[in-house]
Amino acid sequence: MDFCHQHNLVDQSDAGRERGYGIRVTLPAGDTLRNVLGDDWERLHWYATEEERDEAFESMAARHGYYRKTDSPTQVLEKISR
């Protein structure tokens, strides 16, 4: 698989690895960002091991320092597996 941008979510060295553990990111019902992204928007992130997935899940669930104090991120994270 060719990669044209360094910011792609998959590292080139990991592109061929089997990934059976994932995180589904969606928006809650009534979230105003659905007006922009659509009601069926979701993003899937896949990992080779359950440990990698769980580590990424904790990182994604943490409140990051770049949010303003008044910001309340509303993404819904769900652990999934194939």
N, C-alpha and C. Protein backbone atom coordinates (compact mmCIF):
# COMPACT_ATOMS: atom_id res chain seq x y z
N MET A 1 0.85 -1.18 0.00
CA MET A 1 0.00 0.00 0.00
C MET A 1 0.89 1.23 0.00
N ASP A 2 0.59 2.18 -0.86
CA ASP A 2 1.36 3.42 -0.91
C ASP A 2 0.79 4.44 0.07
N PHE A 3 1.70 5.21 0.67
CA PHE A 3 1.31 6.28 1.58
C PHE A 3 1.87 7.58 1.02
N CYS A 4 1.03 8.58 0.90
CA CYS A 4 1.51 9.83 0.33
C CYS A 4 1.68 10.93 1.38
N HIS A 5 1.19 10.71 2.60
CA HIS A 5 1.29 11.73 3.64
C HIS A 5 1.82 11.10 4.92
N GLN A 6 2.75 11.76 5.57
CA GLN A 6 3.34 11.26 6.80
C GLN A 6 2.33 11.21 7.95
N HIS A 7 1.27 11.98 7.87
CA HIS A 7 0.32 12.04 8.97
C HIS A 7 -0.72 10.92 8.93
N ASN A 8 -0.63 9.98 7.98
CA ASN A 8 -1.56 8.87 7.95
C ASN A 8 -1.52 8.11 9.27
N LEU A 9 -2.66 7.56 9.66
CA LEU A 9 -2.77 6.90 10.96
C LEU A 9 -2.02 5.57 11.02
N VAL A 10 -1.71 4.97 9.89
CA VAL A 10 -1.03 3.68 9.88
C VAL A 10 0.44 3.88 9.54
N ASP A 11 1.30 3.43 10.42
CA ASP A 11 2.74 3.49 10.18
C ASP A 11 3.06 2.51 9.05
N GLN A 12 3.87 2.92 8.10
CA GLN A 12 4.20 2.07 6.95
C GLN A 12 4.75 0.72 7.37
N SER A 13 5.57 0.68 8.41
CA SER A 13 6.15 -0.59 8.85
C SER A 13 5.11 -1.53 9.44
N ASP A 14 3.95 -1.01 9.83
CA ASP A 14 2.88 -1.82 10.41
C ASP A 14 1.75 -2.09 9.43
N ALA A 15 1.85 -1.61 8.21
CA ALA A 15 0.74 -1.66 7.26
C ALA A 15 0.25 -3.07 6.98
N GLY A 16 1.12 -4.07 7.00
CA GLY A 16 0.71 -5.43 6.68
C GLY A 16 0.28 -6.27 7.87
N ARG A 17 0.38 -5.74 9.06
CA ARG A 17 0.03 -6.51 10.27
C ARG A 17 -1.46 -6.77 10.38
N GLU A 18 -1.79 -7.93 10.88
CA GLU A 18 -3.18 -8.26 11.16
C GLU A 18 -3.63 -7.49 12.40
N ARG A 19 -4.78 -6.90 12.32
CA ARG A 19 -5.31 -6.11 13.46
C ARG A 19 -6.71 -6.63 13.80
N GLY A 20 -6.86 -7.16 15.00
CA GLY A 20 -8.14 -7.72 15.39
C GLY A 20 -8.83 -6.98 16.51
N TYR A 21 -8.20 -5.93 17.04
CA TYR A 21 -8.76 -5.20 18.18
C TYR A 21 -8.91 -3.74 17.79
N GLY A 22 -10.09 -3.18 18.04
CA GLY A 22 -10.32 -1.83 17.57
C GLY A 22 -11.04 -0.93 18.55
N ILE A 23 -11.13 0.31 18.13
CA ILE A 23 -11.87 1.34 18.85
C ILE A 23 -12.78 2.02 17.84
N ARG A 24 -14.07 2.03 18.12
CA ARG A 24 -15.04 2.75 17.28
C ARG A 24 -15.30 4.10 17.94
N VAL A 25 -15.16 5.17 17.17
CA VAL A 25 -15.42 6.52 17.66
C VAL A 25 -16.68 7.02 16.96
N THR A 26 -17.67 7.41 17.74
CA THR A 26 -18.91 7.97 17.20
C THR A 26 -19.27 9.22 17.99
N LEU A 27 -20.35 9.84 17.60
CA LEU A 27 -20.87 11.02 18.30
C LEU A 27 -22.19 10.65 18.95
N PRO A 28 -22.47 11.18 20.13
CA PRO A 28 -23.74 10.88 20.80
C PRO A 28 -24.91 11.51 20.05
N ALA A 29 -26.08 10.93 20.23
CA ALA A 29 -27.31 11.48 19.64
C ALA A 29 -27.48 12.91 20.12
N GLY A 30 -27.87 13.77 19.21
CA GLY A 30 -28.10 15.17 19.56
C GLY A 30 -26.87 16.05 19.52
N ASP A 31 -25.69 15.49 19.27
CA ASP A 31 -24.47 16.28 19.18
C ASP A 31 -24.54 17.17 17.94
N THR A 32 -24.27 18.45 18.09
CA THR A 32 -24.40 19.38 16.96
C THR A 32 -23.37 19.14 15.86
N LEU A 33 -22.26 18.47 16.17
CA LEU A 33 -21.29 18.16 15.13
C LEU A 33 -21.86 17.17 14.11
N ARG A 34 -22.92 16.46 14.48
CA ARG A 34 -23.60 15.57 13.53
C ARG A 34 -24.16 16.36 12.35
N ASN A 35 -24.48 17.64 12.56
CA ASN A 35 -24.97 18.49 11.47
C ASN A 35 -23.92 18.66 10.38
N VAL A 36 -22.65 18.56 10.77
CA VAL A 36 -21.54 18.71 9.82
C VAL A 36 -21.11 17.35 9.28
N LEU A 37 -20.92 16.38 10.18
CA LEU A 37 -20.37 15.08 9.79
C LEU A 37 -21.42 14.07 9.35
N GLY A 38 -22.66 14.27 9.74
CA GLY A 38 -23.72 13.33 9.41
C GLY A 38 -24.01 12.38 10.56
N ASP A 39 -25.23 11.85 10.58
CA ASP A 39 -25.65 10.97 11.67
C ASP A 39 -24.95 9.62 11.67
N ASP A 40 -24.42 9.21 10.52
CA ASP A 40 -23.79 7.90 10.44
C ASP A 40 -22.26 7.95 10.53
N TRP A 41 -21.70 9.10 10.92
CA TRP A 41 -20.24 9.23 11.00
C TRP A 41 -19.68 8.32 12.08
N GLU A 42 -18.58 7.65 11.76
CA GLU A 42 -17.81 6.90 12.74
C GLU A 42 -16.38 6.81 12.22
N ARG A 43 -15.45 6.56 13.13
CA ARG A 43 -14.04 6.37 12.78
C ARG A 43 -13.59 5.10 13.49
N LEU A 44 -12.93 4.22 12.77
CA LEU A 44 -12.42 2.98 13.36
C LEU A 44 -10.90 3.02 13.39
N HIS A 45 -10.33 2.64 14.53
CA HIS A 45 -8.89 2.53 14.71
C HIS A 45 -8.61 1.07 15.08
N TRP A 46 -7.71 0.40 14.35
CA TRP A 46 -7.42 -1.02 14.58
C TRP A 46 -6.01 -1.23 15.10
N TYR A 47 -5.86 -2.23 15.98
CA TYR A 47 -4.59 -2.54 16.64
C TYR A 47 -4.33 -4.04 16.60
N ALA A 48 -3.06 -4.42 16.62
CA ALA A 48 -2.66 -5.82 16.53
C ALA A 48 -2.93 -6.59 17.82
N THR A 49 -2.82 -5.93 18.95
CA THR A 49 -3.02 -6.62 20.23
C THR A 49 -4.05 -5.88 21.08
N GLU A 50 -4.61 -6.63 22.00
CA GLU A 50 -5.57 -6.05 22.94
C GLU A 50 -4.89 -4.99 23.81
N GLU A 51 -3.64 -5.22 24.17
CA GLU A 51 -2.90 -4.28 25.00
C GLU A 51 -2.69 -2.95 24.27
N GLU A 52 -2.32 -3.01 22.99
CA GLU A 52 -2.14 -1.78 22.20
C GLU A 52 -3.45 -1.01 22.13
N ARG A 53 -4.54 -1.75 21.90
CA ARG A 53 -5.86 -1.12 21.81
C ARG A 53 -6.25 -0.46 23.13
N ASP A 54 -6.04 -1.17 24.23
CA ASP A 54 -6.42 -0.63 25.54
C ASP A 54 -5.60 0.61 25.89
N GLU A 55 -4.32 0.59 25.53
CA GLU A 55 -3.46 1.75 25.78
C GLU A 55 -3.94 2.96 24.96
N ALA A 56 -4.27 2.72 23.69
CA ALA A 56 -4.77 3.79 22.83
C ALA A 56 -6.13 4.29 23.33
N PHE A 57 -6.97 3.39 23.82
CA PHE A 57 -8.28 3.76 24.34
C PHE A 57 -8.14 4.72 25.51
N GLU A 58 -7.25 4.39 26.44
CA GLU A 58 -7.03 5.26 27.61
C GLU A 58 -6.53 6.63 27.18
N SER A 59 -5.64 6.66 26.20
CA SER A 59 -5.11 7.93 25.70
C SER A 59 -6.22 8.75 25.04
N MET A 60 -7.06 8.09 24.25
CA MET A 60 -8.14 8.79 23.55
C MET A 60 -9.21 9.28 24.53
N ALA A 61 -9.41 8.55 25.62
CA ALA A 61 -10.45 8.91 26.58
C ALA A 61 -10.02 10.02 27.53
N ALA A 62 -8.71 10.26 27.63
CA ALA A 62 -8.21 11.29 28.55
C ALA A 62 -8.54 12.69 28.02
N ARG A 63 -8.77 13.59 28.93
CA ARG A 63 -9.00 14.98 28.55
C ARG A 63 -7.65 15.61 28.23
N HIS A 64 -7.46 15.97 26.98
CA HIS A 64 -6.17 16.50 26.52
C HIS A 64 -5.98 17.95 26.92
N GLY A 65 -4.75 18.35 27.06
CA GLY A 65 -4.40 19.69 27.53
C GLY A 65 -4.75 20.81 26.58
N TYR A 66 -5.04 20.51 25.31
CA TYR A 66 -5.34 21.59 24.38
C TYR A 66 -6.81 22.00 24.41
N TYR A 67 -7.64 21.32 25.20
CA TYR A 67 -9.03 21.77 25.36
C TYR A 67 -9.09 22.99 26.26
N ARG A 68 -9.99 23.90 25.93
CA ARG A 68 -10.25 25.01 26.85
C ARG A 68 -11.04 24.48 28.03
N LYS A 69 -11.01 25.18 29.14
CA LYS A 69 -11.74 24.73 30.33
C LYS A 69 -13.23 24.59 30.07
N THR A 70 -13.75 25.38 29.15
CA THR A 70 -15.18 25.34 28.84
C THR A 70 -15.53 24.30 27.77
N ASP A 71 -14.53 23.67 27.15
CA ASP A 71 -14.78 22.64 26.14
C ASP A 71 -15.16 21.32 26.80
N SER A 72 -16.14 20.67 26.23
CA SER A 72 -16.55 19.35 26.72
C SER A 72 -16.65 18.39 25.54
N PRO A 73 -15.57 17.69 25.22
CA PRO A 73 -15.60 16.76 24.10
C PRO A 73 -16.65 15.68 24.33
N THR A 74 -17.36 15.31 23.29
CA THR A 74 -18.49 14.40 23.45
C THR A 74 -18.36 13.11 22.65
N GLN A 75 -17.17 12.77 22.20
CA GLN A 75 -17.03 11.55 21.43
C GLN A 75 -17.37 10.32 22.27
N VAL A 76 -17.89 9.30 21.61
CA VAL A 76 -18.21 8.04 22.26
C VAL A 76 -17.20 7.01 21.78
N LEU A 77 -16.47 6.41 22.72
CA LEU A 77 -15.46 5.40 22.40
C LEU A 77 -15.99 4.03 22.78
N GLU A 78 -15.78 3.06 21.89
CA GLU A 78 -16.26 1.70 22.14
C GLU A 78 -15.16 0.71 21.72
N LYS A 79 -14.80 -0.18 22.62
CA LYS A 79 -13.83 -1.22 22.29
C LYS A 79 -14.54 -2.30 21.47
N ILE A 80 -13.90 -2.71 20.36
CA ILE A 80 -14.48 -3.72 19.49
C ILE A 80 -13.40 -4.73 19.11
N SER A 81 -13.81 -5.88 18.59
CA SER A 81 -12.86 -6.86 18.08
C SER A 81 -13.50 -7.60 16.91
N ARG A 82 -12.63 -8.13 16.04
CA ARG A 82 -13.12 -8.86 14.86
C ARG A 82 -13.20 -10.33 15.19
